[in-house]
Every structure is written in structure tokens, then in C-alpha cells.
Protein backbone atom coordinates (compact mmCIF):
# COMPACT_ATOMS: atom_id res chain seq x y z
CA MET A 1 0.08 0.09 0.03
CA ALA A 2 1.46 3.35 -0.67
CA ALA A 3 2.63 5.69 2.13
CA PHE A 4 0.21 7.49 4.00
CA ILE A 5 1.09 11.09 4.63
CA LYS A 6 -1.22 13.40 6.34
CA HIS A 7 -1.72 17.35 5.86
CA VAL A 8 -1.15 17.19 2.04
CA GLY A 9 -3.45 17.84 -0.85
CA LYS A 10 -4.06 19.83 -3.96
CA HIS A 11 -6.40 22.57 -5.27
CA LYS A 12 -9.55 21.30 -6.63
CA GLY A 13 -9.60 23.86 -9.49
CA THR A 14 -5.84 23.99 -10.63
CA GLY A 15 -4.50 20.61 -9.27
CA THR A 16 -1.35 22.46 -7.61
CA ARG A 17 -0.07 20.67 -4.62
CA LEU A 18 -0.45 22.29 -1.25
CA SER A 19 -0.11 21.61 2.62
CA VAL A 20 -2.85 22.50 4.87
CA VAL A 21 -1.68 24.52 7.81
CA PHE A 22 -4.91 25.47 9.28
CA MET A 23 -7.84 23.34 8.20
CA GLN A 24 -10.24 26.10 9.42
CA LEU A 25 -9.97 29.75 10.12
CA PRO A 26 -11.66 31.56 13.33
CA ASN A 27 -14.93 32.90 12.32
CA GLU A 28 -14.29 31.50 8.84
CA PRO A 29 -14.75 27.82 8.97
CA GLU A 30 -15.20 27.77 5.21
CA ASN A 31 -11.61 28.67 4.75
CA ALA A 32 -8.33 27.00 5.32
CA LEU A 33 -4.73 28.33 5.54
CA VAL A 34 -2.32 26.48 3.33
CA VAL A 35 1.26 26.74 1.75
CA TYR A 36 1.66 25.92 -1.85
CA SER A 37 4.90 23.79 -1.12
CA ASP A 38 6.34 23.73 -4.86
CA SER A 39 6.39 27.43 -4.54
CA LEU A 40 8.77 27.54 -1.53
CA PRO A 41 12.41 28.53 -2.28
CA ASP A 42 15.02 25.61 -2.05
CA LYS A 43 16.36 27.07 1.39
CA TYR A 44 12.96 26.20 2.83
CA HIS A 45 11.30 23.58 0.75
CA GLN A 46 13.06 20.20 1.90
CA SER A 47 12.89 21.26 5.62
CA PHE A 48 9.40 22.03 5.42
CA MET A 49 8.53 18.69 3.75
CA ASP A 50 10.76 16.79 6.34
CA ALA A 51 8.61 18.42 9.12
CA ILE A 52 5.44 17.25 7.40
CA GLU A 53 6.93 13.83 6.92
CA SER A 54 8.32 13.60 10.54
CA LYS A 55 6.99 11.44 13.50
CA GLU A 56 5.81 14.60 15.14
CA GLY A 57 4.09 15.94 11.87
CA GLN A 58 2.35 12.65 11.35
CA SER A 59 1.08 12.66 14.96
CA SER A 60 -0.23 16.04 14.81
CA LYS A 61 -4.08 16.74 14.17
CA GLU A 62 -3.26 19.90 12.42
CA LEU A 63 0.12 20.75 10.63
CA TYR A 64 0.52 24.39 12.36
CA GLU A 65 1.11 22.27 15.84
CA VAL A 66 4.50 20.84 14.45
CA LEU A 67 5.42 23.87 12.42
CA THR A 68 5.39 26.01 15.73
CA ARG A 69 8.02 23.61 17.05
CA LYS A 70 10.26 23.15 14.06
CA VAL A 71 12.82 25.61 12.73
CA PHE A 72 14.49 26.00 9.11
CA GLN A 73 18.09 25.63 8.63
CA ASN A 74 18.71 29.12 9.52
CA GLY A 75 17.32 28.70 12.92
CA GLN A 76 14.15 30.46 12.40
CA GLY A 77 10.64 28.98 13.40
CA MET A 78 8.89 27.53 10.38
CA LEU A 79 5.27 28.96 10.96
CA ASP A 80 6.50 32.47 11.99
CA THR A 81 8.72 32.41 8.86
CA LEU A 82 6.08 31.27 6.42
CA HIS A 83 3.73 33.81 7.93
CA LYS A 84 6.20 36.82 7.84
CA GLU A 85 7.28 35.97 4.23
CA GLY A 86 3.89 35.53 2.87
CA TYR A 87 3.89 31.72 1.95
CA LEU A 88 0.39 31.11 3.81
CA GLY A 89 -2.77 31.76 1.71
CA LYS A 90 -6.23 31.65 2.47
CA VAL A 91 -8.18 29.24 0.27
CA ALA A 92 -11.83 28.03 0.44
CA ALA A 93 -12.14 24.32 2.14
CA ASP A 94 -14.50 23.35 -0.66
CA GLN A 95 -11.60 23.87 -3.15
CA ILE A 96 -9.13 21.73 -1.26
CA VAL A 97 -8.98 17.88 -1.60
CA MET A 98 -6.74 15.83 0.52
CA THR A 99 -4.15 13.24 -0.98
CA PRO A 100 -2.73 11.24 1.87
CA ASN A 101 -1.51 8.85 -0.62
CA SER A 102 -2.10 8.09 -4.56
CA ALA A 103 -4.98 6.01 -4.15
CA THR A 104 -6.95 8.46 -1.63
CA VAL A 105 -8.53 11.41 -2.40
CA ILE A 106 -11.03 13.22 0.07
CA PRO A 107 -12.68 16.68 0.21
CA LEU A 108 -11.61 18.76 3.01
CA PRO A 109 -15.06 19.49 4.25
CA GLN A 110 -15.75 15.74 4.20
CA LEU A 111 -12.74 15.28 6.40
CA LEU A 112 -13.49 17.91 8.61
CA SER A 113 -17.04 16.40 8.96
CA GLU A 114 -15.63 12.98 9.67
CA MET A 115 -13.26 14.48 12.02
CA SER A 116 -15.86 16.37 14.20
CA LYS A 117 -17.66 12.87 14.70
CA ILE A 118 -14.49 11.47 15.93
CA VAL A 119 -13.19 14.22 18.10
CA GLY A 120 -16.01 16.65 18.71
CA GLU A 121 -17.60 19.52 17.08
CA ASP A 122 -15.40 22.00 18.67
CA SER A 123 -11.94 20.38 18.50
CA VAL A 124 -11.10 21.39 14.86
CA GLY A 125 -9.49 24.74 13.91
CA VAL A 126 -8.27 27.56 15.87
CA LYS A 127 -10.61 29.28 18.19
CA GLU A 128 -10.99 33.09 18.36
CA GLU A 129 -11.23 34.62 21.75
CA LYS A 130 -12.90 38.16 22.31
CA GLY A 131 -10.20 40.91 22.28
CA GLN A 132 -7.63 38.70 20.83
CA SER A 133 -5.85 39.00 17.44
CA PHE A 134 -5.56 35.86 15.32
CA THR A 135 -1.98 35.88 15.92
CA GLU A 136 -2.57 35.95 19.66
CA ASN A 137 -5.13 33.02 19.26
CA VAL A 138 -2.56 30.95 17.38
CA GLN A 139 -0.04 31.41 19.96
CA GLU A 140 -2.51 30.59 22.77
CA GLN A 141 -3.34 27.39 20.99
CA ILE A 142 0.21 26.64 20.48
CA ASP A 143 1.01 27.22 24.16
CA THR A 144 -1.53 24.65 25.32
CA ASP A 145 -0.73 22.23 22.59
CA ALA A 146 1.36 19.99 24.50
CA ALA A 147 -1.51 18.69 26.81
CA GLY A 148 -3.28 15.30 26.08
CA ASP A 149 -0.91 14.07 23.60
CA ASN A 150 -2.00 10.44 23.98
CA LYS A 151 -5.49 11.53 23.41
CA LYS A 152 -4.28 13.25 19.93
CA ILE A 153 -2.51 10.07 19.19
CA ALA A 154 -5.59 8.15 19.61
CA GLN A 155 -7.85 10.77 17.51
CA ASN A 156 -5.25 10.63 14.74
CA LEU A 157 -5.22 6.84 14.40
CA LEU A 158 -9.11 6.86 14.11
CA ILE A 159 -8.81 9.69 11.44
CA GLN A 160 -6.37 7.49 9.49
CA ALA A 161 -8.32 4.50 9.81
CA MET A 162 -11.50 6.29 8.40
CA LEU A 163 -9.21 7.38 5.33
CA LEU A 164 -8.09 3.98 4.97
CA GLU A 165 -11.46 2.40 5.04
CA LYS A 166 -12.46 4.89 2.27
CA GLU A 167 -9.69 3.40 0.10
CA ALA A 168 -10.83 -0.15 0.78
CA GLU A 169 -14.32 0.59 -0.26
CA LYS A 170 -13.05 1.88 -3.63
CA LYS A 171 -11.05 -1.11 -3.97
CA ARG A 172 -13.67 -3.44 -3.26
CA ALA A 173 -16.07 -1.95 -5.45
CA GLU A 174 -13.31 -2.20 -8.34
CA ALA A 175 -12.93 -5.69 -7.54
CA VAL A 176 -16.69 -6.35 -8.16
CA ARG A 177 -16.53 -4.35 -11.28
CA PHE A 178 -14.07 -6.65 -12.94
CA ASP A 179 -15.64 -9.90 -11.59
CA PRO A 180 -19.14 -9.59 -10.43
CA SER A 181 -19.03 -12.87 -8.93
CA LEU A 182 -16.97 -11.59 -6.04
CA THR A 183 -19.81 -9.49 -4.91
CA GLU A 184 -20.38 -11.52 -1.64
CA LYS A 185 -16.77 -11.75 -0.80
CA ALA A 186 -16.11 -8.10 -1.34
CA GLU A 187 -18.71 -7.40 1.25
CA LYS A 188 -17.10 -7.39 4.72
CA PRO A 189 -19.06 -8.99 7.44
CA ALA A 190 -20.72 -6.48 9.69
CA LYS A 191 -19.98 -6.37 13.41
CA LYS A 192 -22.63 -7.07 16.00
CA GLY A 193 -24.65 -4.19 16.84
CA ARG A 194 -23.53 -1.85 14.07
CA GLY A 195 -24.45 -1.24 10.65
CA ARG A 196 -22.40 -1.17 7.49
CA PRO A 197 -20.94 2.27 6.02
CA ALA A 198 -23.13 3.69 3.29
CA GLY A 199 -22.51 2.16 -0.17
CA THR A 200 -20.28 -1.00 1.06
CA THR A 201 -23.26 -3.51 0.79
CA ALA A 202 -23.06 -6.45 -1.58
CA LYS A 203 -26.03 -4.97 -3.60
CA ALA A 204 -24.60 -1.23 -3.47
CA MET A 205 -21.08 -2.51 -4.69
CA ALA A 206 -22.87 -4.49 -7.55
CA ALA A 207 -24.77 -1.45 -8.77
CA ARG A 208 -21.58 0.95 -8.57
CA ALA A 209 -19.99 -1.65 -10.73
CA LYS A 210 -22.81 -2.03 -13.06
CA ALA A 211 -22.98 1.65 -13.40
CA ALA A 212 -19.10 2.15 -14.06
CA ALA A 213 -19.14 -0.35 -16.69
CA ALA A 214 -22.09 1.53 -18.49
CA THR A 215 -20.19 4.68 -18.71
CA GLU A 216 -17.38 3.09 -20.35
């Protein structure tokens, strides 16, 4: 299976690769803050990507959490440098798709919706307090970020499992498309007391395979 890398995606309209630093902005939940990583100068690019792919980067719910602790080769803090030098840009969330690996594409709003079910409605994004600037709110979020590391690890594992399940659903549907006789085998047994995810029953997968064949 292809490597699973969080925080990376692309612009829905242009296909330009980007990294999502803040999935939601305070008072602007429809917008995210991103870095177009390919546009970074050489002196920043590799260090930035290394931070994303690091153990800390992959265990962080949001990318800004690790960027506040990482520095570039010149010793300057990554998040502060990206902000001051104008590499952070606001993009509508519905124009962003996350691509944790080559086989998985999930719209950012859909990911946020799934995350809210796992970690709670108020656990995503940076919260704005009255009388504080956005920068002050970010700093406050950073100061309290060290608490609850075990909880964050558990939440991130659940989010990763959710994304991988979406990829598995796609693979099962493709298998049925090429060989409809596999429909029953492709249907995973449901756990006792819980329903199956929508679109993964044998009937649904067979219909999806038939529809895909009809369009070819």
C-alpha cells in the first residue's frame, strides 16, 4: 500500500499541490490556511517537507502544531517565517482535496465532517477569543498544545483508519466491477450491533460496478 502522509493535498481547480496548515480559520470555518509547497524556495522546501513527514508531523492533528516547534536551517521558526514571508494563503475549504496517498482523495469539508464525529464539533481549527488578534489566538493554541498527547494520538489513528477505510471501499468496488462473482466476498461482515457504512453492501457495490461499466 502506498505511504500514508497527512496534511497534503491539492487545489481542486488547478491541481496545484499544497499543504494544509490550518484546516479552518476562526470565524471563517469555510476557509483554510495553506502553503503551496512547490512554490517554496530551496532553502525552505526540503525542511518543510521533512517536518510534514516527521513522526511529530504525522502525529499532529493539524500541521501548524508541528510547524510552531520546527525551525528552518537558518534557525528561524517555520510557522513564523512562513507567515512573515507571505507563504501562507487563504483558500476556500471546498476547493481543497486531501491526498494522503496516490489512491486516496477526500474533499477537505468531508474530512472535517468525519473528524468532528471523532474528536467533537469544537475540536478542529483555531478558536478566536474576544479581544485577541488571530496571531494571539494561534499562539495561545500553541501554548496549550502539549497537553493531551495520548488523546491526540488516539484521535489521529481513528482519522487515519477512516481514510484507509474509504480506500478499501473503492478497491472492493473495483474488484466487483471486474468480476461480479466476487460481490459476496467483497462485502465485509458487519460487526454485531453496528450497521455497514453506506455504499459498501453487496447490492450497492454491484450497482456501482454496473454503473461504472455502463459509462465506459
